[in-house]
Structures are given as C-alpha cells and as structure tokens.
Amino acid sequence: MKVTFKAYAMLSDYLPDAARRTNAVDVEVPEGTTVIDLIERFRLPRAMCHLVLIDGNFVPPAQRDGRVLRAGETLAVWPPIAGG
C-alpha cells in the first residue's frame, strides 16, 4: 500500500535527495506497517521525533508503536523546535 512520509526541519536530511525539496516522499509499505516502522525505515532518531501527525492528527508517543498506517495516509514528523 502507498503512504506519504514527511519529515521537517533537520529531519528532512534523512529523506532521499529528491524528496528534500518538498519534505515528502510517497512510499510503498506492507500492510501492518506502524508509525515506528516507517520512522525506523528512514532511520530517524526516535528522540528527535517530537511531533508526529497522521493526516494532521497528533499521535502520542505511547501509541506510535501500535498505530498501524492505512493506505493513503500521510505521516508527518517534526523535531523539537524552539523559538520566540
């Protein structure tokens, strides 16, 4: 099945070169793939995956190991960001 994976700020460095301009890549994943499976596939450090959204809905850290992705969903990940 196909899902979209987005990584922002410094996490975009983990995306394939062609995807870094748009911060997004469409990927084929097997049924049963979880949020953490996809984060690990791109080798993002778990500690840097602060804000995780599926189709704009927050996925709490305790649910990331068990939340199975569905075809057509978009998983977006942001690192901790500071500002003022």
N, C-alpha and C. Protein backbone atom coordinates (compact mmCIF):
# COMPACT_ATOMS: atom_id res chain seq x y z
N MET A 1 0.85 -1.18 0.00
CA MET A 1 0.00 0.00 0.00
C MET A 1 0.89 1.23 0.00
N LYS A 2 0.34 2.35 -0.44
CA LYS A 2 1.11 3.57 -0.54
C LYS A 2 0.71 4.54 0.57
N VAL A 3 1.72 5.14 1.21
CA VAL A 3 1.53 6.21 2.18
C VAL A 3 2.52 7.31 1.84
N THR A 4 2.28 8.49 2.41
CA THR A 4 3.21 9.61 2.22
C THR A 4 3.93 9.84 3.54
N PHE A 5 5.23 10.01 3.47
CA PHE A 5 6.04 10.28 4.65
C PHE A 5 6.65 11.67 4.49
N LYS A 6 6.45 12.51 5.51
CA LYS A 6 7.01 13.86 5.51
C LYS A 6 7.89 14.04 6.73
N ALA A 7 9.02 14.68 6.52
CA ALA A 7 9.95 14.97 7.62
C ALA A 7 10.37 16.43 7.49
N TYR A 8 10.35 17.14 8.59
CA TYR A 8 10.59 18.59 8.57
C TYR A 8 11.84 18.98 9.35
N ALA A 9 12.30 20.21 9.06
CA ALA A 9 13.48 20.80 9.69
C ALA A 9 14.66 19.85 9.47
N MET A 10 15.46 19.62 10.50
CA MET A 10 16.66 18.80 10.32
C MET A 10 16.35 17.35 9.96
N LEU A 11 15.13 16.88 10.24
CA LEU A 11 14.78 15.50 9.91
C LEU A 11 14.66 15.28 8.41
N SER A 12 14.50 16.34 7.64
CA SER A 12 14.42 16.18 6.19
C SER A 12 15.73 15.65 5.61
N ASP A 13 16.82 15.79 6.37
CA ASP A 13 18.11 15.25 5.92
C ASP A 13 18.07 13.73 5.78
N TYR A 14 17.12 13.08 6.41
CA TYR A 14 17.01 11.62 6.35
C TYR A 14 16.20 11.15 5.15
N LEU A 15 15.59 12.06 4.44
CA LEU A 15 14.81 11.71 3.25
C LEU A 15 15.74 11.51 2.06
N PRO A 16 15.29 10.79 1.03
CA PRO A 16 16.08 10.69 -0.20
C PRO A 16 16.31 12.09 -0.78
N ASP A 17 17.42 12.28 -1.47
CA ASP A 17 17.78 13.59 -2.01
C ASP A 17 16.65 14.26 -2.78
N ALA A 18 15.98 13.51 -3.63
CA ALA A 18 14.91 14.09 -4.46
C ALA A 18 13.72 14.57 -3.63
N ALA A 19 13.53 14.03 -2.45
CA ALA A 19 12.38 14.38 -1.62
C ALA A 19 12.65 15.57 -0.70
N ARG A 20 13.88 15.97 -0.56
CA ARG A 20 14.23 17.03 0.39
C ARG A 20 13.67 18.39 0.00
N ARG A 21 13.42 18.62 -1.26
CA ARG A 21 12.85 19.91 -1.69
C ARG A 21 11.40 20.06 -1.24
N THR A 22 10.68 18.96 -1.20
CA THR A 22 9.26 19.01 -0.84
C THR A 22 8.99 18.47 0.56
N ASN A 23 10.01 17.92 1.20
CA ASN A 23 9.90 17.31 2.53
C ASN A 23 8.97 16.10 2.54
N ALA A 24 8.70 15.53 1.39
CA ALA A 24 7.74 14.43 1.33
C ALA A 24 8.17 13.38 0.32
N VAL A 25 7.82 12.14 0.64
CA VAL A 25 8.09 11.04 -0.28
C VAL A 25 6.93 10.04 -0.16
N ASP A 26 6.46 9.57 -1.31
CA ASP A 26 5.45 8.50 -1.32
C ASP A 26 6.20 7.18 -1.26
N VAL A 27 5.75 6.30 -0.37
CA VAL A 27 6.43 5.03 -0.19
C VAL A 27 5.44 3.89 -0.18
N GLU A 28 5.88 2.75 -0.67
CA GLU A 28 5.11 1.51 -0.59
C GLU A 28 5.52 0.82 0.69
N VAL A 29 4.53 0.44 1.47
CA VAL A 29 4.78 -0.27 2.72
C VAL A 29 3.84 -1.47 2.80
N PRO A 30 4.26 -2.51 3.50
CA PRO A 30 3.36 -3.66 3.65
C PRO A 30 2.23 -3.37 4.62
N GLU A 31 1.13 -4.07 4.46
CA GLU A 31 0.02 -3.97 5.41
C GLU A 31 0.58 -4.25 6.81
N GLY A 32 0.06 -3.53 7.79
CA GLY A 32 0.51 -3.72 9.16
C GLY A 32 1.67 -2.84 9.58
N THR A 33 2.17 -2.00 8.66
CA THR A 33 3.27 -1.10 9.00
C THR A 33 2.80 -0.08 10.02
N THR A 34 3.58 0.10 11.07
CA THR A 34 3.24 1.06 12.12
C THR A 34 4.01 2.37 11.93
N VAL A 35 3.61 3.35 12.72
CA VAL A 35 4.30 4.65 12.70
C VAL A 35 5.79 4.45 12.95
N ILE A 36 6.13 3.70 13.99
CA ILE A 36 7.54 3.48 14.33
C ILE A 36 8.25 2.71 13.23
N ASP A 37 7.59 1.76 12.58
CA ASP A 37 8.22 1.03 11.47
C ASP A 37 8.70 1.99 10.40
N LEU A 38 7.86 2.98 10.06
CA LEU A 38 8.23 3.91 9.00
C LEU A 38 9.31 4.88 9.47
N ILE A 39 9.22 5.33 10.71
CA ILE A 39 10.27 6.20 11.27
C ILE A 39 11.61 5.47 11.23
N GLU A 40 11.61 4.19 11.62
CA GLU A 40 12.85 3.41 11.61
C GLU A 40 13.33 3.11 10.19
N ARG A 41 12.42 2.96 9.28
CA ARG A 41 12.81 2.71 7.88
C ARG A 41 13.68 3.85 7.35
N PHE A 42 13.36 5.07 7.77
CA PHE A 42 14.15 6.23 7.33
C PHE A 42 15.26 6.58 8.31
N ARG A 43 15.42 5.77 9.35
CA ARG A 43 16.49 5.91 10.34
C ARG A 43 16.45 7.23 11.09
N LEU A 44 15.25 7.75 11.31
CA LEU A 44 15.12 8.96 12.12
C LEU A 44 15.35 8.58 13.58
N PRO A 45 16.12 9.38 14.32
CA PRO A 45 16.30 9.09 15.74
C PRO A 45 14.98 9.29 16.49
N ARG A 46 14.55 8.28 17.22
CA ARG A 46 13.27 8.36 17.93
C ARG A 46 13.20 9.59 18.84
N ALA A 47 14.30 9.91 19.49
CA ALA A 47 14.31 11.05 20.42
C ALA A 47 14.08 12.37 19.70
N MET A 48 14.32 12.41 18.41
CA MET A 48 14.13 13.64 17.64
C MET A 48 12.75 13.72 16.99
N CYS A 49 11.95 12.69 17.13
CA CYS A 49 10.60 12.67 16.55
C CYS A 49 9.62 13.18 17.60
N HIS A 50 9.57 14.49 17.73
CA HIS A 50 8.80 15.13 18.79
C HIS A 50 7.31 15.22 18.46
N LEU A 51 7.00 15.80 17.32
CA LEU A 51 5.61 15.98 16.90
C LEU A 51 5.34 15.03 15.74
N VAL A 52 4.41 14.11 15.94
CA VAL A 52 4.08 13.11 14.93
C VAL A 52 2.58 13.22 14.63
N LEU A 53 2.27 13.41 13.36
CA LEU A 53 0.87 13.56 12.94
C LEU A 53 0.55 12.58 11.82
N ILE A 54 -0.67 12.07 11.86
CA ILE A 54 -1.20 11.30 10.73
C ILE A 54 -2.39 12.08 10.21
N ASP A 55 -2.29 12.52 8.98
CA ASP A 55 -3.33 13.34 8.36
C ASP A 55 -3.75 14.50 9.27
N GLY A 56 -2.76 15.10 9.91
CA GLY A 56 -3.00 16.27 10.75
C GLY A 56 -3.43 15.97 12.18
N ASN A 57 -3.54 14.70 12.53
CA ASN A 57 -3.95 14.32 13.88
C ASN A 57 -2.75 13.81 14.68
N PHE A 58 -2.58 14.37 15.87
CA PHE A 58 -1.45 14.04 16.73
C PHE A 58 -1.47 12.57 17.14
N VAL A 59 -0.29 11.95 17.07
CA VAL A 59 -0.12 10.57 17.54
C VAL A 59 0.78 10.63 18.77
N PRO A 60 0.24 10.39 19.97
CA PRO A 60 1.05 10.44 21.19
C PRO A 60 2.16 9.39 21.17
N PRO A 61 3.27 9.66 21.84
CA PRO A 61 4.39 8.71 21.85
C PRO A 61 3.99 7.29 22.25
N ALA A 62 3.09 7.14 23.20
CA ALA A 62 2.69 5.81 23.67
C ALA A 62 1.92 5.01 22.61
N GLN A 63 1.42 5.67 21.58
CA GLN A 63 0.63 4.98 20.55
C GLN A 63 1.41 4.72 19.27
N ARG A 64 2.63 5.21 19.17
CA ARG A 64 3.37 5.13 17.91
C ARG A 64 3.82 3.72 17.55
N ASP A 65 4.08 2.89 18.55
CA ASP A 65 4.49 1.50 18.26
C ASP A 65 3.34 0.67 17.71
N GLY A 66 2.12 0.99 18.11
CA GLY A 66 0.99 0.17 17.73
C GLY A 66 0.07 0.75 16.68
N ARG A 67 0.26 2.02 16.34
CA ARG A 67 -0.64 2.67 15.36
C ARG A 67 -0.28 2.21 13.95
N VAL A 68 -1.16 1.42 13.35
CA VAL A 68 -0.95 0.88 12.01
C VAL A 68 -1.38 1.93 10.99
N LEU A 69 -0.53 2.12 9.99
CA LEU A 69 -0.85 3.06 8.91
C LEU A 69 -1.82 2.42 7.92
N ARG A 70 -2.64 3.27 7.32
CA ARG A 70 -3.60 2.82 6.32
C ARG A 70 -3.24 3.42 4.96
N ALA A 71 -3.64 2.77 3.91
CA ALA A 71 -3.36 3.25 2.55
C ALA A 71 -3.83 4.69 2.39
N GLY A 72 -2.98 5.52 1.80
CA GLY A 72 -3.33 6.90 1.51
C GLY A 72 -3.06 7.88 2.63
N GLU A 73 -2.69 7.40 3.81
CA GLU A 73 -2.43 8.32 4.92
C GLU A 73 -1.09 9.03 4.74
N THR A 74 -0.99 10.18 5.42
CA THR A 74 0.25 10.95 5.43
C THR A 74 0.77 11.00 6.85
N LEU A 75 2.00 10.54 7.04
CA LEU A 75 2.68 10.59 8.32
C LEU A 75 3.68 11.75 8.25
N ALA A 76 3.55 12.71 9.16
CA ALA A 76 4.45 13.86 9.20
C ALA A 76 5.16 13.89 10.55
N VAL A 77 6.46 14.19 10.53
CA VAL A 77 7.28 14.18 11.74
C VAL A 77 8.09 15.46 11.84
N TRP A 78 8.07 16.09 13.02
CA TRP A 78 8.86 17.28 13.30
C TRP A 78 9.76 17.02 14.50
N PRO A 79 10.96 17.60 14.49
CA PRO A 79 11.81 17.53 15.68
C PRO A 79 11.36 18.59 16.69
N PRO A 80 11.93 18.56 17.90
CA PRO A 80 11.62 19.66 18.84
C PRO A 80 12.08 20.97 18.23
N ILE A 81 11.26 21.99 18.37
CA ILE A 81 11.58 23.31 17.79
C ILE A 81 11.44 24.35 18.88
N ALA A 82 12.41 25.23 18.94
CA ALA A 82 12.37 26.33 19.90
C ALA A 82 12.24 27.64 19.13
N GLY A 83 11.66 28.60 19.74
CA GLY A 83 11.53 29.90 19.08
C GLY A 83 10.94 30.91 20.04
N GLY A 84 10.80 32.07 19.53
CA GLY A 84 10.27 33.07 20.43
C GLY A 84 9.69 34.24 19.67
